[in-house]
Amino acid sequence: YVKPDTNSEEYKIAKAADRLAAFVK
């Protein structure tokens, strides 16, 4: 989790959520 699989669907969702949080800011 600290060093995730950056090619996984799960990671893509986490990254989208990161950007979504920035958008909300």
mmCIF file of all heavy atoms, coordinates in Angstrom:
data_MODEL
# 
_entry.id   MODEL 
# 
loop_
_atom_site.group_PDB 
_atom_site.id 
_atom_site.type_symbol 
_atom_site.label_atom_id 
_atom_site.label_alt_id 
_atom_site.label_comp_id 
_atom_site.label_asym_id 
_atom_site.label_entity_id 
_atom_site.label_seq_id 
_atom_site.pdbx_PDB_ins_code 
_atom_site.Cartn_x 
_atom_site.Cartn_y 
_atom_site.Cartn_z 
_atom_site.occupancy 
_atom_site.B_iso_or_equiv 
_atom_site.pdbx_formal_charge 
_atom_site.auth_seq_id 
_atom_site.auth_comp_id 
_atom_site.auth_asym_id 
_atom_site.auth_atom_id 
_atom_site.pdbx_PDB_model_num 
ATOM 1   N N   . TYR A 1 1  ? 0.827   -1.218 0.000   1.00 0.00 ? 1  TYR A N   1 
ATOM 2   C CA  . TYR A 1 1  ? 0.000   0.000  0.000   1.00 0.00 ? 1  TYR A CA  1 
ATOM 3   C C   . TYR A 1 1  ? 0.857   1.261  0.000   1.00 0.00 ? 1  TYR A C   1 
ATOM 4   O O   . TYR A 1 1  ? 0.506   2.258  -0.624  1.00 0.00 ? 1  TYR A O   1 
ATOM 5   C CB  . TYR A 1 1  ? -0.945  -0.026 1.205   1.00 0.00 ? 1  TYR A CB  1 
ATOM 6   C CG  . TYR A 1 1  ? -1.718  -1.311 1.233   1.00 0.00 ? 1  TYR A CG  1 
ATOM 7   C CD1 . TYR A 1 1  ? -1.537  -2.246 2.248   1.00 0.00 ? 1  TYR A CD1 1 
ATOM 8   C CD2 . TYR A 1 1  ? -2.590  -1.647 0.186   1.00 0.00 ? 1  TYR A CD2 1 
ATOM 9   C CE1 . TYR A 1 1  ? -2.215  -3.453 2.238   1.00 0.00 ? 1  TYR A CE1 1 
ATOM 10  C CE2 . TYR A 1 1  ? -3.259  -2.854 0.164   1.00 0.00 ? 1  TYR A CE2 1 
ATOM 11  C CZ  . TYR A 1 1  ? -3.072  -3.755 1.195   1.00 0.00 ? 1  TYR A CZ  1 
ATOM 12  O OH  . TYR A 1 1  ? -3.736  -4.955 1.168   1.00 0.00 ? 1  TYR A OH  1 
ATOM 13  N N   . VAL A 1 2  ? 1.993   1.192  0.660   1.00 0.00 ? 2  VAL A N   1 
ATOM 14  C CA  . VAL A 1 2  ? 2.931   2.316  0.646   1.00 0.00 ? 2  VAL A CA  1 
ATOM 15  C C   . VAL A 1 2  ? 3.615   2.408  -0.716  1.00 0.00 ? 2  VAL A C   1 
ATOM 16  O O   . VAL A 1 2  ? 3.902   3.496  -1.207  1.00 0.00 ? 2  VAL A O   1 
ATOM 17  C CB  . VAL A 1 2  ? 3.959   2.164  1.800   1.00 0.00 ? 2  VAL A CB  1 
ATOM 18  C CG1 . VAL A 1 2  ? 5.063   3.199  1.706   1.00 0.00 ? 2  VAL A CG1 1 
ATOM 19  C CG2 . VAL A 1 2  ? 3.255   2.260  3.157   1.00 0.00 ? 2  VAL A CG2 1 
ATOM 20  N N   . LYS A 1 3  ? 3.840   1.240  -1.347  1.00 0.00 ? 3  LYS A N   1 
ATOM 21  C CA  . LYS A 1 3  ? 4.446   1.162  -2.676  1.00 0.00 ? 3  LYS A CA  1 
ATOM 22  C C   . LYS A 1 3  ? 3.507   0.376  -3.596  1.00 0.00 ? 3  LYS A C   1 
ATOM 23  O O   . LYS A 1 3  ? 3.733   -0.799 -3.865  1.00 0.00 ? 3  LYS A O   1 
ATOM 24  C CB  . LYS A 1 3  ? 5.828   0.506  -2.584  1.00 0.00 ? 3  LYS A CB  1 
ATOM 25  C CG  . LYS A 1 3  ? 6.807   1.287  -1.712  1.00 0.00 ? 3  LYS A CG  1 
ATOM 26  C CD  . LYS A 1 3  ? 8.137   0.585  -1.589  1.00 0.00 ? 3  LYS A CD  1 
ATOM 27  C CE  . LYS A 1 3  ? 8.867   0.692  -2.901  1.00 0.00 ? 3  LYS A CE  1 
ATOM 28  N NZ  . LYS A 1 3  ? 10.233  0.172  -2.845  1.00 0.00 ? 3  LYS A NZ  1 
ATOM 29  N N   . PRO A 1 4  ? 2.425   1.028  -4.057  1.00 0.00 ? 4  PRO A N   1 
ATOM 30  C CA  . PRO A 1 4  ? 1.348   0.309  -4.760  1.00 0.00 ? 4  PRO A CA  1 
ATOM 31  C C   . PRO A 1 4  ? 1.707   -0.138 -6.178  1.00 0.00 ? 4  PRO A C   1 
ATOM 32  O O   . PRO A 1 4  ? 2.666   0.348  -6.774  1.00 0.00 ? 4  PRO A O   1 
ATOM 33  C CB  . PRO A 1 4  ? 0.229   1.345  -4.801  1.00 0.00 ? 4  PRO A CB  1 
ATOM 34  C CG  . PRO A 1 4  ? 0.930   2.652  -4.802  1.00 0.00 ? 4  PRO A CG  1 
ATOM 35  C CD  . PRO A 1 4  ? 2.151   2.465  -3.941  1.00 0.00 ? 4  PRO A CD  1 
ATOM 36  N N   . ASP A 1 5  ? 0.880   -1.035 -6.674  1.00 0.00 ? 5  ASP A N   1 
ATOM 37  C CA  . ASP A 1 5  ? 0.948   -1.461 -8.081  1.00 0.00 ? 5  ASP A CA  1 
ATOM 38  C C   . ASP A 1 5  ? 0.313   -0.358 -8.920  1.00 0.00 ? 5  ASP A C   1 
ATOM 39  O O   . ASP A 1 5  ? -0.904  -0.243 -9.000  1.00 0.00 ? 5  ASP A O   1 
ATOM 40  C CB  . ASP A 1 5  ? 0.190   -2.776 -8.257  1.00 0.00 ? 5  ASP A CB  1 
ATOM 41  C CG  . ASP A 1 5  ? 0.078   -3.211 -9.711  1.00 0.00 ? 5  ASP A CG  1 
ATOM 42  O OD1 . ASP A 1 5  ? 0.659   -2.545 -10.597 1.00 0.00 ? 5  ASP A OD1 1 
ATOM 43  O OD2 . ASP A 1 5  ? -0.617  -4.215 -9.963  1.00 0.00 ? 5  ASP A OD2 1 
ATOM 44  N N   . THR A 1 6  ? 1.147   0.463  -9.539  1.00 0.00 ? 6  THR A N   1 
ATOM 45  C CA  . THR A 1 6  ? 0.660   1.644  -10.251 1.00 0.00 ? 6  THR A CA  1 
ATOM 46  C C   . THR A 1 6  ? -0.060  1.308  -11.558 1.00 0.00 ? 6  THR A C   1 
ATOM 47  O O   . THR A 1 6  ? -0.637  2.193  -12.184 1.00 0.00 ? 6  THR A O   1 
ATOM 48  C CB  . THR A 1 6  ? 1.807   2.635  -10.521 1.00 0.00 ? 6  THR A CB  1 
ATOM 49  O OG1 . THR A 1 6  ? 2.831   1.969  -11.277 1.00 0.00 ? 6  THR A OG1 1 
ATOM 50  C CG2 . THR A 1 6  ? 2.395   3.162  -9.220  1.00 0.00 ? 6  THR A CG2 1 
ATOM 51  N N   . ASN A 1 7  ? -0.044  0.055  -11.958 1.00 0.00 ? 7  ASN A N   1 
ATOM 52  C CA  . ASN A 1 7  ? -0.762  -0.349 -13.172 1.00 0.00 ? 7  ASN A CA  1 
ATOM 53  C C   . ASN A 1 7  ? -2.140  -0.936 -12.881 1.00 0.00 ? 7  ASN A C   1 
ATOM 54  O O   . ASN A 1 7  ? -2.876  -1.266 -13.809 1.00 0.00 ? 7  ASN A O   1 
ATOM 55  C CB  . ASN A 1 7  ? 0.066   -1.379 -13.963 1.00 0.00 ? 7  ASN A CB  1 
ATOM 56  C CG  . ASN A 1 7  ? 1.341   -0.764 -14.501 1.00 0.00 ? 7  ASN A CG  1 
ATOM 57  O OD1 . ASN A 1 7  ? 1.321   0.326  -15.048 1.00 0.00 ? 7  ASN A OD1 1 
ATOM 58  N ND2 . ASN A 1 7  ? 2.452   -1.450 -14.313 1.00 0.00 ? 7  ASN A ND2 1 
ATOM 59  N N   . SER A 1 8  ? -2.490  -1.054 -11.613 1.00 0.00 ? 8  SER A N   1 
ATOM 60  C CA  . SER A 1 8  ? -3.748  -1.703 -11.250 1.00 0.00 ? 8  SER A CA  1 
ATOM 61  C C   . SER A 1 8  ? -4.934  -0.748 -11.376 1.00 0.00 ? 8  SER A C   1 
ATOM 62  O O   . SER A 1 8  ? -4.790  0.475  -11.319 1.00 0.00 ? 8  SER A O   1 
ATOM 63  C CB  . SER A 1 8  ? -3.665  -2.220 -9.807  1.00 0.00 ? 8  SER A CB  1 
ATOM 64  O OG  . SER A 1 8  ? -3.612  -1.133 -8.904  1.00 0.00 ? 8  SER A OG  1 
ATOM 65  N N   . GLU A 1 9  ? -6.114  -1.322 -11.532 1.00 0.00 ? 9  GLU A N   1 
ATOM 66  C CA  . GLU A 1 9  ? -7.354  -0.535 -11.552 1.00 0.00 ? 9  GLU A CA  1 
ATOM 67  C C   . GLU A 1 9  ? -7.552  0.179  -10.226 1.00 0.00 ? 9  GLU A C   1 
ATOM 68  O O   . GLU A 1 9  ? -8.041  1.306  -10.177 1.00 0.00 ? 9  GLU A O   1 
ATOM 69  C CB  . GLU A 1 9  ? -8.562  -1.451 -11.833 1.00 0.00 ? 9  GLU A CB  1 
ATOM 70  C CG  . GLU A 1 9  ? -8.724  -1.813 -13.294 1.00 0.00 ? 9  GLU A CG  1 
ATOM 71  C CD  . GLU A 1 9  ? -8.965  -0.598 -14.187 1.00 0.00 ? 9  GLU A CD  1 
ATOM 72  O OE1 . GLU A 1 9  ? -9.870  0.200  -13.890 1.00 0.00 ? 9  GLU A OE1 1 
ATOM 73  O OE2 . GLU A 1 9  ? -8.221  -0.457 -15.167 1.00 0.00 ? 9  GLU A OE2 1 
ATOM 74  N N   . GLU A 1 10 ? -7.182  -0.495 -9.152  1.00 0.00 ? 10 GLU A N   1 
ATOM 75  C CA  . GLU A 1 10 ? -7.336  0.095  -7.824  1.00 0.00 ? 10 GLU A CA  1 
ATOM 76  C C   . GLU A 1 10 ? -6.504  1.369  -7.686  1.00 0.00 ? 10 GLU A C   1 
ATOM 77  O O   . GLU A 1 10 ? -6.966  2.369  -7.136  1.00 0.00 ? 10 GLU A O   1 
ATOM 78  C CB  . GLU A 1 10 ? -6.943  -0.917 -6.744  1.00 0.00 ? 10 GLU A CB  1 
ATOM 79  C CG  . GLU A 1 10 ? -7.912  -2.063 -6.579  1.00 0.00 ? 10 GLU A CG  1 
ATOM 80  C CD  . GLU A 1 10 ? -7.749  -3.209 -7.585  1.00 0.00 ? 10 GLU A CD  1 
ATOM 81  O OE1 . GLU A 1 10 ? -6.805  -3.167 -8.410  1.00 0.00 ? 10 GLU A OE1 1 
ATOM 82  O OE2 . GLU A 1 10 ? -8.565  -4.136 -7.558  1.00 0.00 ? 10 GLU A OE2 1 
ATOM 83  N N   . TYR A 1 11 ? -5.283  1.333  -8.215  1.00 0.00 ? 11 TYR A N   1 
ATOM 84  C CA  . TYR A 1 11 ? -4.426  2.522  -8.142  1.00 0.00 ? 11 TYR A CA  1 
ATOM 85  C C   . TYR A 1 11 ? -4.997  3.657  -9.000  1.00 0.00 ? 11 TYR A C   1 
ATOM 86  O O   . TYR A 1 11 ? -4.979  4.817  -8.598  1.00 0.00 ? 11 TYR A O   1 
ATOM 87  C CB  . TYR A 1 11 ? -3.008  2.174  -8.598  1.00 0.00 ? 11 TYR A CB  1 
ATOM 88  C CG  . TYR A 1 11 ? -2.060  3.351  -8.529  1.00 0.00 ? 11 TYR A CG  1 
ATOM 89  C CD1 . TYR A 1 11 ? -1.512  3.748  -7.317  1.00 0.00 ? 11 TYR A CD1 1 
ATOM 90  C CD2 . TYR A 1 11 ? -1.716  4.071  -9.672  1.00 0.00 ? 11 TYR A CD2 1 
ATOM 91  C CE1 . TYR A 1 11 ? -0.648  4.828  -7.241  1.00 0.00 ? 11 TYR A CE1 1 
ATOM 92  C CE2 . TYR A 1 11 ? -0.856  5.152  -9.608  1.00 0.00 ? 11 TYR A CE2 1 
ATOM 93  C CZ  . TYR A 1 11 ? -0.321  5.525  -8.390  1.00 0.00 ? 11 TYR A CZ  1 
ATOM 94  O OH  . TYR A 1 11 ? 0.527   6.598  -8.316  1.00 0.00 ? 11 TYR A OH  1 
ATOM 95  N N   . LYS A 1 12 ? -5.524  3.317  -10.169 1.00 0.00 ? 12 LYS A N   1 
ATOM 96  C CA  . LYS A 1 12 ? -6.115  4.350  -11.039 1.00 0.00 ? 12 LYS A CA  1 
ATOM 97  C C   . LYS A 1 12 ? -7.289  5.048  -10.344 1.00 0.00 ? 12 LYS A C   1 
ATOM 98  O O   . LYS A 1 12 ? -7.465  6.263  -10.472 1.00 0.00 ? 12 LYS A O   1 
ATOM 99  C CB  . LYS A 1 12 ? -6.557  3.736  -12.370 1.00 0.00 ? 12 LYS A CB  1 
ATOM 100 C CG  . LYS A 1 12 ? -5.390  3.330  -13.246 1.00 0.00 ? 12 LYS A CG  1 
ATOM 101 C CD  . LYS A 1 12 ? -5.846  2.606  -14.484 1.00 0.00 ? 12 LYS A CD  1 
ATOM 102 C CE  . LYS A 1 12 ? -4.633  2.069  -15.234 1.00 0.00 ? 12 LYS A CE  1 
ATOM 103 N NZ  . LYS A 1 12 ? -5.000  1.128  -16.280 1.00 0.00 ? 12 LYS A NZ  1 
ATOM 104 N N   . ILE A 1 13 ? -8.068  4.293  -9.603  1.00 0.00 ? 13 ILE A N   1 
ATOM 105 C CA  . ILE A 1 13 ? -9.181  4.895  -8.860  1.00 0.00 ? 13 ILE A CA  1 
ATOM 106 C C   . ILE A 1 13 ? -8.648  5.791  -7.743  1.00 0.00 ? 13 ILE A C   1 
ATOM 107 O O   . ILE A 1 13 ? -9.143  6.908  -7.542  1.00 0.00 ? 13 ILE A O   1 
ATOM 108 C CB  . ILE A 1 13 ? -10.125 3.809  -8.314  1.00 0.00 ? 13 ILE A CB  1 
ATOM 109 C CG1 . ILE A 1 13 ? -10.870 3.150  -9.478  1.00 0.00 ? 13 ILE A CG1 1 
ATOM 110 C CG2 . ILE A 1 13 ? -11.110 4.394  -7.296  1.00 0.00 ? 13 ILE A CG2 1 
ATOM 111 C CD1 . ILE A 1 13 ? -11.704 1.953  -9.099  1.00 0.00 ? 13 ILE A CD1 1 
ATOM 112 N N   . ALA A 1 14 ? -7.631  5.320  -7.030  1.00 0.00 ? 14 ALA A N   1 
ATOM 113 C CA  . ALA A 1 14 ? -7.033  6.135  -5.960  1.00 0.00 ? 14 ALA A CA  1 
ATOM 114 C C   . ALA A 1 14 ? -6.475  7.440  -6.528  1.00 0.00 ? 14 ALA A C   1 
ATOM 115 O O   . ALA A 1 14 ? -6.645  8.517  -5.929  1.00 0.00 ? 14 ALA A O   1 
ATOM 116 C CB  . ALA A 1 14 ? -5.948  5.342  -5.229  1.00 0.00 ? 14 ALA A CB  1 
ATOM 117 N N   . LYS A 1 15 ? -5.821  7.372  -7.679  1.00 0.00 ? 15 LYS A N   1 
ATOM 118 C CA  . LYS A 1 15 ? -5.272  8.591  -8.304  1.00 0.00 ? 15 LYS A CA  1 
ATOM 119 C C   . LYS A 1 15 ? -6.380  9.524  -8.767  1.00 0.00 ? 15 LYS A C   1 
ATOM 120 O O   . LYS A 1 15 ? -6.263  10.751 -8.652  1.00 0.00 ? 15 LYS A O   1 
ATOM 121 C CB  . LYS A 1 15 ? -4.352  8.231  -9.478  1.00 0.00 ? 15 LYS A CB  1 
ATOM 122 C CG  . LYS A 1 15 ? -3.014  7.666  -9.085  1.00 0.00 ? 15 LYS A CG  1 
ATOM 123 C CD  . LYS A 1 15 ? -2.235  8.542  -8.125  1.00 0.00 ? 15 LYS A CD  1 
ATOM 124 C CE  . LYS A 1 15 ? -1.658  9.765  -8.795  1.00 0.00 ? 15 LYS A CE  1 
ATOM 125 N NZ  . LYS A 1 15 ? -0.860  10.612 -7.879  1.00 0.00 ? 15 LYS A NZ  1 
ATOM 126 N N   . ALA A 1 16 ? -7.454  8.966  -9.297  1.00 0.00 ? 16 ALA A N   1 
ATOM 127 C CA  . ALA A 1 16 ? -8.589  9.803  -9.694  1.00 0.00 ? 16 ALA A CA  1 
ATOM 128 C C   . ALA A 1 16 ? -9.184  10.493 -8.470  1.00 0.00 ? 16 ALA A C   1 
ATOM 129 O O   . ALA A 1 16 ? -9.553  11.673 -8.522  1.00 0.00 ? 16 ALA A O   1 
ATOM 130 C CB  . ALA A 1 16 ? -9.646  8.965  -10.411 1.00 0.00 ? 16 ALA A CB  1 
ATOM 131 N N   . ALA A 1 17 ? -9.263  9.777  -7.351  1.00 0.00 ? 17 ALA A N   1 
ATOM 132 C CA  . ALA A 1 17 ? -9.781  10.371 -6.115  1.00 0.00 ? 17 ALA A CA  1 
ATOM 133 C C   . ALA A 1 17 ? -8.866  11.489 -5.620  1.00 0.00 ? 17 ALA A C   1 
ATOM 134 O O   . ALA A 1 17 ? -9.346  12.506 -5.101  1.00 0.00 ? 17 ALA A O   1 
ATOM 135 C CB  . ALA A 1 17 ? -9.941  9.296  -5.044  1.00 0.00 ? 17 ALA A CB  1 
ATOM 136 N N   . ASP A 1 18 ? -7.574  11.318 -5.794  1.00 0.00 ? 18 ASP A N   1 
ATOM 137 C CA  . ASP A 1 18 ? -6.608  12.357 -5.423  1.00 0.00 ? 18 ASP A CA  1 
ATOM 138 C C   . ASP A 1 18 ? -6.877  13.634 -6.222  1.00 0.00 ? 18 ASP A C   1 
ATOM 139 O O   . ASP A 1 18 ? -6.922  14.742 -5.679  1.00 0.00 ? 18 ASP A O   1 
ATOM 140 C CB  . ASP A 1 18 ? -5.189  11.828 -5.682  1.00 0.00 ? 18 ASP A CB  1 
ATOM 141 C CG  . ASP A 1 18 ? -4.097  12.772 -5.203  1.00 0.00 ? 18 ASP A CG  1 
ATOM 142 O OD1 . ASP A 1 18 ? -4.319  13.518 -4.230  1.00 0.00 ? 18 ASP A OD1 1 
ATOM 143 O OD2 . ASP A 1 18 ? -3.005  12.743 -5.810  1.00 0.00 ? 18 ASP A OD2 1 
ATOM 144 N N   . ARG A 1 19 ? -7.085  13.477 -7.510  1.00 0.00 ? 19 ARG A N   1 
ATOM 145 C CA  . ARG A 1 19 ? -7.396  14.633 -8.366  1.00 0.00 ? 19 ARG A CA  1 
ATOM 146 C C   . ARG A 1 19 ? -8.776  15.204 -8.031  1.00 0.00 ? 19 ARG A C   1 
ATOM 147 O O   . ARG A 1 19 ? -8.981  16.415 -8.047  1.00 0.00 ? 19 ARG A O   1 
ATOM 148 C CB  . ARG A 1 19 ? -7.331  14.233 -9.838  1.00 0.00 ? 19 ARG A CB  1 
ATOM 149 C CG  . ARG A 1 19 ? -5.955  13.825 -10.316 1.00 0.00 ? 19 ARG A CG  1 
ATOM 150 C CD  . ARG A 1 19 ? -4.959  14.958 -10.243 1.00 0.00 ? 19 ARG A CD  1 
ATOM 151 N NE  . ARG A 1 19 ? -5.148  15.852 -11.379 1.00 0.00 ? 19 ARG A NE  1 
ATOM 152 C CZ  . ARG A 1 19 ? -4.700  17.091 -11.461 1.00 0.00 ? 19 ARG A CZ  1 
ATOM 153 N NH1 . ARG A 1 19 ? -4.052  17.631 -10.452 1.00 0.00 ? 19 ARG A NH1 1 
ATOM 154 N NH2 . ARG A 1 19 ? -4.909  17.823 -12.529 1.00 0.00 ? 19 ARG A NH2 1 
ATOM 155 N N   . LEU A 1 20 ? -9.715  14.329 -7.714  1.00 0.00 ? 20 LEU A N   1 
ATOM 156 C CA  . LEU A 1 20 ? -11.054 14.779 -7.351  1.00 0.00 ? 20 LEU A CA  1 
ATOM 157 C C   . LEU A 1 20 ? -11.012 15.625 -6.076  1.00 0.00 ? 20 LEU A C   1 
ATOM 158 O O   . LEU A 1 20 ? -11.685 16.656 -5.977  1.00 0.00 ? 20 LEU A O   1 
ATOM 159 C CB  . LEU A 1 20 ? -11.972 13.564 -7.168  1.00 0.00 ? 20 LEU A CB  1 
ATOM 160 C CG  . LEU A 1 20 ? -13.463 13.824 -7.022  1.00 0.00 ? 20 LEU A CG  1 
ATOM 161 C CD1 . LEU A 1 20 ? -14.024 14.643 -8.178  1.00 0.00 ? 20 LEU A CD1 1 
ATOM 162 C CD2 . LEU A 1 20 ? -14.205 12.484 -6.923  1.00 0.00 ? 20 LEU A CD2 1 
ATOM 163 N N   . ALA A 1 21 ? -10.189 15.227 -5.111  1.00 0.00 ? 21 ALA A N   1 
ATOM 164 C CA  . ALA A 1 21 ? -10.027 16.017 -3.887  1.00 0.00 ? 21 ALA A CA  1 
ATOM 165 C C   . ALA A 1 21 ? -9.437  17.391 -4.210  1.00 0.00 ? 21 ALA A C   1 
ATOM 166 O O   . ALA A 1 21 ? -9.843  18.403 -3.622  1.00 0.00 ? 21 ALA A O   1 
ATOM 167 C CB  . ALA A 1 21 ? -9.144  15.275 -2.886  1.00 0.00 ? 21 ALA A CB  1 
ATOM 168 N N   . ALA A 1 22 ? -8.505  17.445 -5.146  1.00 0.00 ? 22 ALA A N   1 
ATOM 169 C CA  . ALA A 1 22 ? -7.936  18.729 -5.567  1.00 0.00 ? 22 ALA A CA  1 
ATOM 170 C C   . ALA A 1 22 ? -9.003  19.594 -6.234  1.00 0.00 ? 22 ALA A C   1 
ATOM 171 O O   . ALA A 1 22 ? -9.069  20.809 -6.016  1.00 0.00 ? 22 ALA A O   1 
ATOM 172 C CB  . ALA A 1 22 ? -6.752  18.505 -6.508  1.00 0.00 ? 22 ALA A CB  1 
ATOM 173 N N   . PHE A 1 23 ? -9.858  18.966 -7.025  1.00 0.00 ? 23 PHE A N   1 
ATOM 174 C CA  . PHE A 1 23 ? -10.948 19.692 -7.674  1.00 0.00 ? 23 PHE A CA  1 
ATOM 175 C C   . PHE A 1 23 ? -11.909 20.263 -6.632  1.00 0.00 ? 23 PHE A C   1 
ATOM 176 O O   . PHE A 1 23 ? -12.322 21.423 -6.710  1.00 0.00 ? 23 PHE A O   1 
ATOM 177 C CB  . PHE A 1 23 ? -11.689 18.767 -8.644  1.00 0.00 ? 23 PHE A CB  1 
ATOM 178 C CG  . PHE A 1 23 ? -12.797 19.442 -9.391  1.00 0.00 ? 23 PHE A CG  1 
ATOM 179 C CD1 . PHE A 1 23 ? -12.530 20.331 -10.424 1.00 0.00 ? 23 PHE A CD1 1 
ATOM 180 C CD2 . PHE A 1 23 ? -14.120 19.208 -9.053  1.00 0.00 ? 23 PHE A CD2 1 
ATOM 181 C CE1 . PHE A 1 23 ? -13.555 20.964 -11.111 1.00 0.00 ? 23 PHE A CE1 1 
ATOM 182 C CE2 . PHE A 1 23 ? -15.154 19.837 -9.734  1.00 0.00 ? 23 PHE A CE2 1 
ATOM 183 C CZ  . PHE A 1 23 ? -14.866 20.720 -10.765 1.00 0.00 ? 23 PHE A CZ  1 
ATOM 184 N N   . VAL A 1 24 ? -12.233 19.461 -5.631  1.00 0.00 ? 24 VAL A N   1 
ATOM 185 C CA  . VAL A 1 24 ? -13.119 19.921 -4.560  1.00 0.00 ? 24 VAL A CA  1 
ATOM 186 C C   . VAL A 1 24 ? -12.484 21.101 -3.813  1.00 0.00 ? 24 VAL A C   1 
ATOM 187 O O   . VAL A 1 24 ? -13.174 22.062 -3.458  1.00 0.00 ? 24 VAL A O   1 
ATOM 188 C CB  . VAL A 1 24 ? -13.465 18.756 -3.608  1.00 0.00 ? 24 VAL A CB  1 
ATOM 189 C CG1 . VAL A 1 24 ? -14.119 19.252 -2.321  1.00 0.00 ? 24 VAL A CG1 1 
ATOM 190 C CG2 . VAL A 1 24 ? -14.364 17.746 -4.314  1.00 0.00 ? 24 VAL A CG2 1 
ATOM 191 N N   . LYS A 1 25 ? -11.173 21.047 -3.610  1.00 0.00 ? 25 LYS A N   1 
ATOM 192 C CA  . LYS A 1 25 ? -10.471 22.178 -2.976  1.00 0.00 ? 25 LYS A CA  1 
ATOM 193 C C   . LYS A 1 25 ? -10.643 23.442 -3.815  1.00 0.00 ? 25 LYS A C   1 
ATOM 194 O O   . LYS A 1 25 ? -10.896 24.533 -3.285  1.00 0.00 ? 25 LYS A O   1 
ATOM 195 C CB  . LYS A 1 25 ? -8.990  21.837 -2.792  1.00 0.00 ? 25 LYS A CB  1 
ATOM 196 C CG  . LYS A 1 25 ? -8.112  22.988 -2.347  1.00 0.00 ? 25 LYS A CG  1 
ATOM 197 C CD  . LYS A 1 25 ? -8.482  23.508 -0.980  1.00 0.00 ? 25 LYS A CD  1 
ATOM 198 C CE  . LYS A 1 25 ? -7.446  24.543 -0.505  1.00 0.00 ? 25 LYS A CE  1 
ATOM 199 N NZ  . LYS A 1 25 ? -7.912  25.230 0.712   1.00 0.00 ? 25 LYS A NZ  1 
# 
